[in-house]
């Protein structure tokens, strides 16, 4: 896959005055990978990246090392950097682990239900509902905010940290899965039902819905991965 310069509208701007060249390249490439703009297997030529961001190749190589440590990039000596291809089995396992943690968070949030949490979830659901059809990145962003409120409502910082620790590897697949036909609308309906169960303190119902939601997300991500493999002529 050929490296393509980014679309400025889709990449967060970073002030050059407040960040180093390494931070700049790392931040922007991470955003593009997590946002699924740079697909798994995409080649990242150091010279092209350096030219695009107006830096030397030294900070680009350091940024690649950071991205590699986060599992987003694979650097092969004498070959270069590529966006990491995560095997389907690993994607499935990561979704299963994160799903189990999310179910626990939702269950605890329902156990601790209160009017303030119900209001926060309702306001965020309104933001989710206002995302225009086809705006996958917007839907993903609002979904993340909703999930964050649910995690916070669980009252367990340790649990939140565990869930977020899987974020870098899974974020791009969560976004990609929302590109599946009908998935954004399905996810919204599932979120509405989960939020209602949390707000009413119905622990069993919240848990059942969270399990179903996690399974659907994993299935959508798996389908996207298989479609991507077929489109690019790759197999595991």
C-alpha atoms as a PDB file:
ATOM      1  CA  UNK A   1       0.000   0.000   0.000  1.00  0.00           C
ATOM      2  CA  UNK A   2       1.295   3.413  -0.943  1.00  0.00           C
ATOM      3  CA  UNK A   3       1.675   6.099   1.700  1.00  0.00           C
ATOM      4  CA  UNK A   4      -0.703   9.000   1.145  1.00  0.00           C
ATOM      5  CA  UNK A   5      -0.502  12.453   2.770  1.00  0.00           C
ATOM      6  CA  UNK A   6      -3.313  13.032   5.220  1.00  0.00           C
ATOM      7  CA  UNK A   7      -6.479  15.012   4.711  1.00  0.00           C
ATOM      8  CA  UNK A   8      -6.073  18.065   6.933  1.00  0.00           C
ATOM      9  CA  UNK A   9      -9.738  18.073   7.946  1.00  0.00           C
ATOM     10  CA  UNK A  10      -9.488  14.655   9.598  1.00  0.00           C
ATOM     11  CA  UNK A  11      -6.253  15.022  11.569  1.00  0.00           C
ATOM     12  CA  UNK A  12      -6.076  16.960  14.845  1.00  0.00           C
ATOM     13  CA  UNK A  13      -3.802  19.989  14.666  1.00  0.00           C
ATOM     14  CA  UNK A  14      -0.839  20.155  17.002  1.00  0.00           C
ATOM     15  CA  UNK A  15       0.946  23.406  17.782  1.00  0.00           C
ATOM     16  CA  UNK A  16       4.574  23.213  16.666  1.00  0.00           C
ATOM     17  CA  UNK A  17       5.426  25.796  19.347  1.00  0.00           C
ATOM     18  CA  UNK A  18       4.229  23.535  22.139  1.00  0.00           C
ATOM     19  CA  UNK A  19       5.521  20.175  21.067  1.00  0.00           C
ATOM     20  CA  UNK A  20       8.693  18.572  19.778  1.00  0.00           C
ATOM     21  CA  UNK A  21       9.064  17.250  16.237  1.00  0.00           C
ATOM     22  CA  UNK A  22       8.912  13.692  17.602  1.00  0.00           C
ATOM     23  CA  UNK A  23       5.668  14.439  19.486  1.00  0.00           C
ATOM     24  CA  UNK A  24       4.183  16.062  16.388  1.00  0.00           C
ATOM     25  CA  UNK A  25       4.844  13.093  14.084  1.00  0.00           C
ATOM     26  CA  UNK A  26       3.870  10.540  16.750  1.00  0.00           C
ATOM     27  CA  UNK A  27       0.595  12.298  17.568  1.00  0.00           C
ATOM     28  CA  UNK A  28      -0.512  12.725  13.971  1.00  0.00           C
ATOM     29  CA  UNK A  29       0.448   9.267  12.747  1.00  0.00           C
ATOM     30  CA  UNK A  30      -1.188   7.668  15.811  1.00  0.00           C
ATOM     31  CA  UNK A  31      -4.391   9.613  15.087  1.00  0.00           C
ATOM     32  CA  UNK A  32      -4.403   8.486  11.463  1.00  0.00           C
ATOM     33  CA  UNK A  33      -3.778   4.837  12.369  1.00  0.00           C
ATOM     34  CA  UNK A  34      -6.370   4.769  15.149  1.00  0.00           C
ATOM     35  CA  UNK A  35      -8.826   6.553  12.864  1.00  0.00           C
ATOM     36  CA  UNK A  36      -8.306   3.800  10.244  1.00  0.00           C
ATOM     37  CA  UNK A  37      -7.097   6.347   7.669  1.00  0.00           C
ATOM     38  CA  UNK A  38      -3.827   4.407   7.435  1.00  0.00           C
ATOM     39  CA  UNK A  39      -4.777   0.790   6.871  1.00  0.00           C
ATOM     40  CA  UNK A  40      -3.048  -2.302   8.310  1.00  0.00           C
ATOM     41  CA  UNK A  41       0.006  -3.108   6.218  1.00  0.00           C
ATOM     42  CA  UNK A  42       0.396   0.431   4.867  1.00  0.00           C
ATOM     43  CA  UNK A  43       4.056   1.324   4.241  1.00  0.00           C
ATOM     44  CA  UNK A  44       5.355   4.424   6.069  1.00  0.00           C
ATOM     45  CA  UNK A  45       8.428   5.722   4.184  1.00  0.00           C
ATOM     46  CA  UNK A  46      10.486   7.792   6.631  1.00  0.00           C
ATOM     47  CA  UNK A  47      11.491  10.256   3.938  1.00  0.00           C
ATOM     48  CA  UNK A  48       7.909  10.852   2.779  1.00  0.00           C
ATOM     49  CA  UNK A  49       6.664  11.265   6.349  1.00  0.00           C
ATOM     50  CA  UNK A  50       9.515  13.680   7.163  1.00  0.00           C
ATOM     51  CA  UNK A  51       8.751  15.744   4.063  1.00  0.00           C
ATOM     52  CA  UNK A  52       5.039  15.869   4.830  1.00  0.00           C
ATOM     53  CA  UNK A  53       5.509  17.174   8.368  1.00  0.00           C
ATOM     54  CA  UNK A  54       8.511  19.375   7.618  1.00  0.00           C
ATOM     55  CA  UNK A  55      10.961  17.577   9.906  1.00  0.00           C
ATOM     56  CA  UNK A  56      14.141  15.539   9.500  1.00  0.00           C
ATOM     57  CA  UNK A  57      14.136  11.750   9.418  1.00  0.00           C
ATOM     58  CA  UNK A  58      15.585  11.486  12.942  1.00  0.00           C
ATOM     59  CA  UNK A  59      12.361  12.486  14.775  1.00  0.00           C
ATOM     60  CA  UNK A  60      10.386  10.343  12.343  1.00  0.00           C
ATOM     61  CA  UNK A  61      12.410   7.276  13.299  1.00  0.00           C
ATOM     62  CA  UNK A  62      11.913   8.061  16.999  1.00  0.00           C
ATOM     63  CA  UNK A  63       8.168   8.470  16.420  1.00  0.00           C
ATOM     64  CA  UNK A  64       8.149   5.074  14.698  1.00  0.00           C
ATOM     65  CA  UNK A  65       9.776   3.539  17.791  1.00  0.00           C
ATOM     66  CA  UNK A  66       7.047   5.000  20.010  1.00  0.00           C
ATOM     67  CA  UNK A  67       4.331   3.736  17.697  1.00  0.00           C
ATOM     68  CA  UNK A  68       5.968   0.313  17.648  1.00  0.00           C
ATOM     69  CA  UNK A  69       5.941   0.209  21.464  1.00  0.00           C
ATOM     70  CA  UNK A  70       2.193   0.950  21.317  1.00  0.00           C
ATOM     71  CA  UNK A  71       1.616  -1.879  18.871  1.00  0.00           C
ATOM     72  CA  UNK A  72       0.571   0.454  16.041  1.00  0.00           C
ATOM     73  CA  UNK A  73       3.631   0.127  13.798  1.00  0.00           C
ATOM     74  CA  UNK A  74       6.072  -2.658  12.957  1.00  0.00           C
ATOM     75  CA  UNK A  75       9.636  -1.623  12.084  1.00  0.00           C
ATOM     76  CA  UNK A  76      11.674  -4.123  10.073  1.00  0.00           C
ATOM     77  CA  UNK A  77      15.419  -3.452   9.668  1.00  0.00           C
ATOM     78  CA  UNK A  78      16.402  -2.526   6.090  1.00  0.00           C
ATOM     79  CA  UNK A  79      12.726  -2.626   5.088  1.00  0.00           C
ATOM     80  CA  UNK A  80      11.064   0.206   6.986  1.00  0.00           C
ATOM     81  CA  UNK A  81       7.902   0.842   8.987  1.00  0.00           C
ATOM     82  CA  UNK A  82       4.430  -0.476   8.283  1.00  0.00           C
ATOM     83  CA  UNK A  83       1.116  -0.126  10.064  1.00  0.00           C
ATOM     84  CA  UNK A  84       0.804  -3.276  12.149  1.00  0.00           C
ATOM     85  CA  UNK A  85      -1.359  -6.073  10.838  1.00  0.00           C
ATOM     86  CA  UNK A  86      -3.050  -7.586  13.871  1.00  0.00           C
ATOM     87  CA  UNK A  87      -3.984 -11.263  13.353  1.00  0.00           C
ATOM     88  CA  UNK A  88      -7.693 -12.023  13.465  1.00  0.00           C
ATOM     89  CA  UNK A  89      -7.233 -14.330  16.461  1.00  0.00           C
ATOM     90  CA  UNK A  90      -5.592 -11.502  18.403  1.00  0.00           C
ATOM     91  CA  UNK A  91      -8.319  -9.009  17.462  1.00  0.00           C
ATOM     92  CA  UNK A  92     -10.944 -11.497  18.608  1.00  0.00           C
ATOM     93  CA  UNK A  93      -9.126 -12.117  21.888  1.00  0.00           C
ATOM     94  CA  UNK A  94      -8.634  -8.408  22.600  1.00  0.00           C
ATOM     95  CA  UNK A  95     -12.315  -7.687  21.938  1.00  0.00           C
ATOM     96  CA  UNK A  96     -13.277 -10.581  24.212  1.00  0.00           C
ATOM     97  CA  UNK A  97     -11.096  -9.268  27.045  1.00  0.00           C
ATOM     98  CA  UNK A  98     -12.227  -5.677  26.650  1.00  0.00           C
ATOM     99  CA  UNK A  99     -15.831  -6.825  26.370  1.00  0.00           C
ATOM    100  CA  UNK A 100     -15.626  -8.700  29.663  1.00  0.00           C
ATOM    101  CA  UNK A 101     -14.186  -5.624  31.373  1.00  0.00           C
ATOM    102  CA  UNK A 102     -16.864  -3.383  29.854  1.00  0.00           C
ATOM    103  CA  UNK A 103     -19.612  -5.727  31.056  1.00  0.00           C
ATOM    104  CA  UNK A 104     -18.215  -5.487  34.581  1.00  0.00           C
ATOM    105  CA  UNK A 105     -18.096  -1.684  34.308  1.00  0.00           C
ATOM    106  CA  UNK A 106     -21.710  -1.477  33.122  1.00  0.00           C
ATOM    107  CA  UNK A 107     -22.848  -3.843  35.871  1.00  0.00           C
ATOM    108  CA  UNK A 108     -21.133  -1.742  38.554  1.00  0.00           C
ATOM    109  CA  UNK A 109     -22.517   1.455  37.024  1.00  0.00           C
ATOM    110  CA  UNK A 110     -26.049   0.048  37.336  1.00  0.00           C
ATOM    111  CA  UNK A 111     -25.370  -0.933  40.946  1.00  0.00           C
ATOM    112  CA  UNK A 112     -24.354   2.672  41.684  1.00  0.00           C
ATOM    113  CA  UNK A 113     -27.159   4.280  39.668  1.00  0.00           C
ATOM    114  CA  UNK A 114     -28.122   7.829  40.616  1.00  0.00           C
ATOM    115  CA  UNK A 115     -29.966  10.776  38.978  1.00  0.00           C
ATOM    116  CA  UNK A 116     -26.729  12.617  38.129  1.00  0.00           C
ATOM    117  CA  UNK A 117     -25.381   9.672  36.118  1.00  0.00           C
ATOM    118  CA  UNK A 118     -28.743   9.271  34.375  1.00  0.00           C
ATOM    119  CA  UNK A 119     -28.655  12.935  33.292  1.00  0.00           C
ATOM    120  CA  UNK A 120     -25.083  12.656  32.009  1.00  0.00           C
ATOM    121  CA  UNK A 121     -25.888   9.556  29.985  1.00  0.00           C
ATOM    122  CA  UNK A 122     -29.041  11.148  28.571  1.00  0.00           C
ATOM    123  CA  UNK A 123     -27.142  14.276  27.460  1.00  0.00           C
ATOM    124  CA  UNK A 124     -24.403  12.216  25.832  1.00  0.00           C
ATOM    125  CA  UNK A 125     -26.955  10.005  24.071  1.00  0.00           C
ATOM    126  CA  UNK A 126     -28.452  13.171  22.566  1.00  0.00           C
ATOM    127  CA  UNK A 127     -25.018  13.986  21.162  1.00  0.00           C
ATOM    128  CA  UNK A 128     -24.735  10.473  19.766  1.00  0.00           C
ATOM    129  CA  UNK A 129     -28.160  10.809  18.158  1.00  0.00           C
ATOM    130  CA  UNK A 130     -27.186  14.132  16.546  1.00  0.00           C
ATOM    131  CA  UNK A 131     -24.254  12.682  14.566  1.00  0.00           C
ATOM    132  CA  UNK A 132     -25.059  12.906  10.825  1.00  0.00           C
ATOM    133  CA  UNK A 133     -25.489   9.583   8.981  1.00  0.00           C
ATOM    134  CA  UNK A 134     -22.225   8.471   7.424  1.00  0.00           C
ATOM    135  CA  UNK A 135     -20.012  10.371   9.877  1.00  0.00           C
ATOM    136  CA  UNK A 136     -18.159   7.314  11.176  1.00  0.00           C
ATOM    137  CA  UNK A 137     -15.457   9.306  12.969  1.00  0.00           C
ATOM    138  CA  UNK A 138     -18.073  11.502  14.665  1.00  0.00           C
ATOM    139  CA  UNK A 139     -20.086   8.466  15.735  1.00  0.00           C
ATOM    140  CA  UNK A 140     -16.967   6.751  17.076  1.00  0.00           C
ATOM    141  CA  UNK A 141     -15.939   9.839  19.038  1.00  0.00           C
ATOM    142  CA  UNK A 142     -19.353  10.281  20.667  1.00  0.00           C
ATOM    143  CA  UNK A 143     -19.525   6.538  21.383  1.00  0.00           C
ATOM    144  CA  UNK A 144     -16.173   6.738  23.160  1.00  0.00           C
ATOM    145  CA  UNK A 145     -17.454   9.603  25.317  1.00  0.00           C
ATOM    146  CA  UNK A 146     -20.549   7.588  26.222  1.00  0.00           C
ATOM    147  CA  UNK A 147     -18.486   4.545  27.143  1.00  0.00           C
ATOM    148  CA  UNK A 148     -16.194   6.757  29.236  1.00  0.00           C
ATOM    149  CA  UNK A 149     -19.195   8.007  31.243  1.00  0.00           C
ATOM    150  CA  UNK A 150     -20.310   4.427  31.864  1.00  0.00           C
ATOM    151  CA  UNK A 151     -16.815   3.439  33.007  1.00  0.00           C
ATOM    152  CA  UNK A 152     -16.608   6.462  35.306  1.00  0.00           C
ATOM    153  CA  UNK A 153     -20.013   5.616  36.774  1.00  0.00           C
ATOM    154  CA  UNK A 154     -18.614   2.209  37.786  1.00  0.00           C
ATOM    155  CA  UNK A 155     -16.527   3.980  40.440  1.00  0.00           C
ATOM    156  CA  UNK A 156     -13.421   1.856  39.816  1.00  0.00           C
ATOM    157  CA  UNK A 157     -10.308   3.710  38.571  1.00  0.00           C
ATOM    158  CA  UNK A 158      -8.429   0.408  38.302  1.00  0.00           C
ATOM    159  CA  UNK A 159     -11.101  -1.026  36.025  1.00  0.00           C
ATOM    160  CA  UNK A 160     -11.064   2.108  33.858  1.00  0.00           C
ATOM    161  CA  UNK A 161      -7.275   1.919  33.493  1.00  0.00           C
ATOM    162  CA  UNK A 162      -7.486  -1.734  32.439  1.00  0.00           C
ATOM    163  CA  UNK A 163     -10.078  -0.938  29.771  1.00  0.00           C
ATOM    164  CA  UNK A 164      -8.145   2.062  28.489  1.00  0.00           C
ATOM    165  CA  UNK A 165      -4.918   0.040  28.317  1.00  0.00           C
ATOM    166  CA  UNK A 166      -6.442  -1.832  25.374  1.00  0.00           C
ATOM    167  CA  UNK A 167      -7.480   1.376  23.651  1.00  0.00           C
ATOM    168  CA  UNK A 168      -4.520   1.912  21.308  1.00  0.00           C
ATOM    169  CA  UNK A 169      -4.730  -1.531  19.762  1.00  0.00           C
ATOM    170  CA  UNK A 170      -8.497  -1.694  19.433  1.00  0.00           C
ATOM    171  CA  UNK A 171      -9.549   1.879  18.671  1.00  0.00           C
ATOM    172  CA  UNK A 172      -8.911   1.637  14.930  1.00  0.00           C
ATOM    173  CA  UNK A 173     -10.867  -1.608  14.703  1.00  0.00           C
ATOM    174  CA  UNK A 174     -13.765  -0.135  16.676  1.00  0.00           C
ATOM    175  CA  UNK A 175     -13.912   2.772  14.231  1.00  0.00           C
ATOM    176  CA  UNK A 176     -13.591   0.456  11.239  1.00  0.00           C
ATOM    177  CA  UNK A 177     -16.394  -1.759  12.541  1.00  0.00           C
ATOM    178  CA  UNK A 178     -18.722   1.267  12.551  1.00  0.00           C
ATOM    179  CA  UNK A 179     -18.277   1.499   8.785  1.00  0.00           C
ATOM    180  CA  UNK A 180     -20.270  -1.731   8.458  1.00  0.00           C
ATOM    181  CA  UNK A 181     -23.745  -1.204   7.044  1.00  0.00           C
ATOM    182  CA  UNK A 182     -26.283  -0.615   9.790  1.00  0.00           C
ATOM    183  CA  UNK A 183     -23.757  -0.941  12.634  1.00  0.00           C
ATOM    184  CA  UNK A 184     -23.864   2.745  13.764  1.00  0.00           C
ATOM    185  CA  UNK A 185     -27.675   2.591  14.101  1.00  0.00           C
ATOM    186  CA  UNK A 186     -27.509  -0.788  15.828  1.00  0.00           C
ATOM    187  CA  UNK A 187     -24.832   0.464  18.250  1.00  0.00           C
ATOM    188  CA  UNK A 188     -26.918   3.537  19.051  1.00  0.00           C
ATOM    189  CA  UNK A 189     -29.971   1.414  19.888  1.00  0.00           C
ATOM    190  CA  UNK A 190     -27.815  -0.809  22.077  1.00  0.00           C
ATOM    191  CA  UNK A 191     -26.336   2.208  23.873  1.00  0.00           C
ATOM    192  CA  UNK A 192     -29.809   3.645  24.481  1.00  0.00           C
ATOM    193  CA  UNK A 193     -30.954   0.372  26.050  1.00  0.00           C
ATOM    194  CA  UNK A 194     -27.820   0.006  28.194  1.00  0.00           C
ATOM    195  CA  UNK A 195     -28.062   3.606  29.405  1.00  0.00           C
ATOM    196  CA  UNK A 196     -31.720   3.089  30.329  1.00  0.00           C
ATOM    197  CA  UNK A 197     -30.855  -0.064  32.297  1.00  0.00           C
ATOM    198  CA  UNK A 198     -28.057   1.739  34.146  1.00  0.00           C
ATOM    199  CA  UNK A 199     -30.288   4.726  34.924  1.00  0.00           C
ATOM    200  CA  UNK A 200     -33.009   2.454  36.345  1.00  0.00           C
ATOM    201  CA  UNK A 201     -30.528   0.412  38.367  1.00  0.00           C
ATOM    202  CA  UNK A 202     -31.490  -2.815  36.598  1.00  0.00           C
ATOM    203  CA  UNK A 203     -28.201  -4.666  37.087  1.00  0.00           C
ATOM    204  CA  UNK A 204     -29.163  -7.941  35.405  1.00  0.00           C
ATOM    205  CA  UNK A 205     -30.621  -6.216  32.355  1.00  0.00           C
ATOM    206  CA  UNK A 206     -27.608  -3.903  32.050  1.00  0.00           C
ATOM    207  CA  UNK A 207     -25.271  -6.885  32.188  1.00  0.00           C
ATOM    208  CA  UNK A 208     -27.213  -8.836  29.540  1.00  0.00           C
ATOM    209  CA  UNK A 209     -27.301  -5.854  27.195  1.00  0.00           C
ATOM    210  CA  UNK A 210     -23.587  -5.134  27.688  1.00  0.00           C
ATOM    211  CA  UNK A 211     -22.697  -8.739  26.806  1.00  0.00           C
ATOM    212  CA  UNK A 212     -24.798  -8.518  23.652  1.00  0.00           C
ATOM    213  CA  UNK A 213     -23.256  -5.154  22.709  1.00  0.00           C
ATOM    214  CA  UNK A 214     -19.710  -6.444  23.178  1.00  0.00           C
ATOM    215  CA  UNK A 215     -20.452  -9.515  21.041  1.00  0.00           C
ATOM    216  CA  UNK A 216     -21.927  -7.413  18.237  1.00  0.00           C
ATOM    217  CA  UNK A 217     -18.902  -5.093  18.263  1.00  0.00           C
ATOM    218  CA  UNK A 218     -16.531  -8.028  18.054  1.00  0.00           C
ATOM    219  CA  UNK A 219     -18.478  -9.583  15.169  1.00  0.00           C
ATOM    220  CA  UNK A 220     -18.523  -6.282  13.249  1.00  0.00           C
ATOM    221  CA  UNK A 221     -14.765  -5.841  13.708  1.00  0.00           C
ATOM    222  CA  UNK A 222     -14.135  -9.417  12.573  1.00  0.00           C
ATOM    223  CA  UNK A 223     -16.218  -8.906   9.430  1.00  0.00           C
ATOM    224  CA  UNK A 224     -14.362  -5.693   8.638  1.00  0.00           C
ATOM    225  CA  UNK A 225     -11.007  -7.433   9.080  1.00  0.00           C
ATOM    226  CA  UNK A 226     -11.984 -10.297   6.757  1.00  0.00           C
ATOM    227  CA  UNK A 227     -13.358  -7.872   4.142  1.00  0.00           C
ATOM    228  CA  UNK A 228     -10.122  -5.861   4.345  1.00  0.00           C
ATOM    229  CA  UNK A 229      -8.076  -9.022   3.807  1.00  0.00           C
ATOM    230  CA  UNK A 230     -10.123  -9.982   0.749  1.00  0.00           C
ATOM    231  CA  UNK A 231      -9.873  -6.466  -0.682  1.00  0.00           C
ATOM    232  CA  UNK A 232      -6.089  -6.438  -0.296  1.00  0.00           C
ATOM    233  CA  UNK A 233      -5.522 -10.061  -1.318  1.00  0.00           C
ATOM    234  CA  UNK A 234      -3.999 -11.055   2.012  1.00  0.00           C
ATOM    235  CA  UNK A 235      -4.584 -14.131   4.144  1.00  0.00           C
ATOM    236  CA  UNK A 236      -3.506 -15.223   7.633  1.00  0.00           C
END
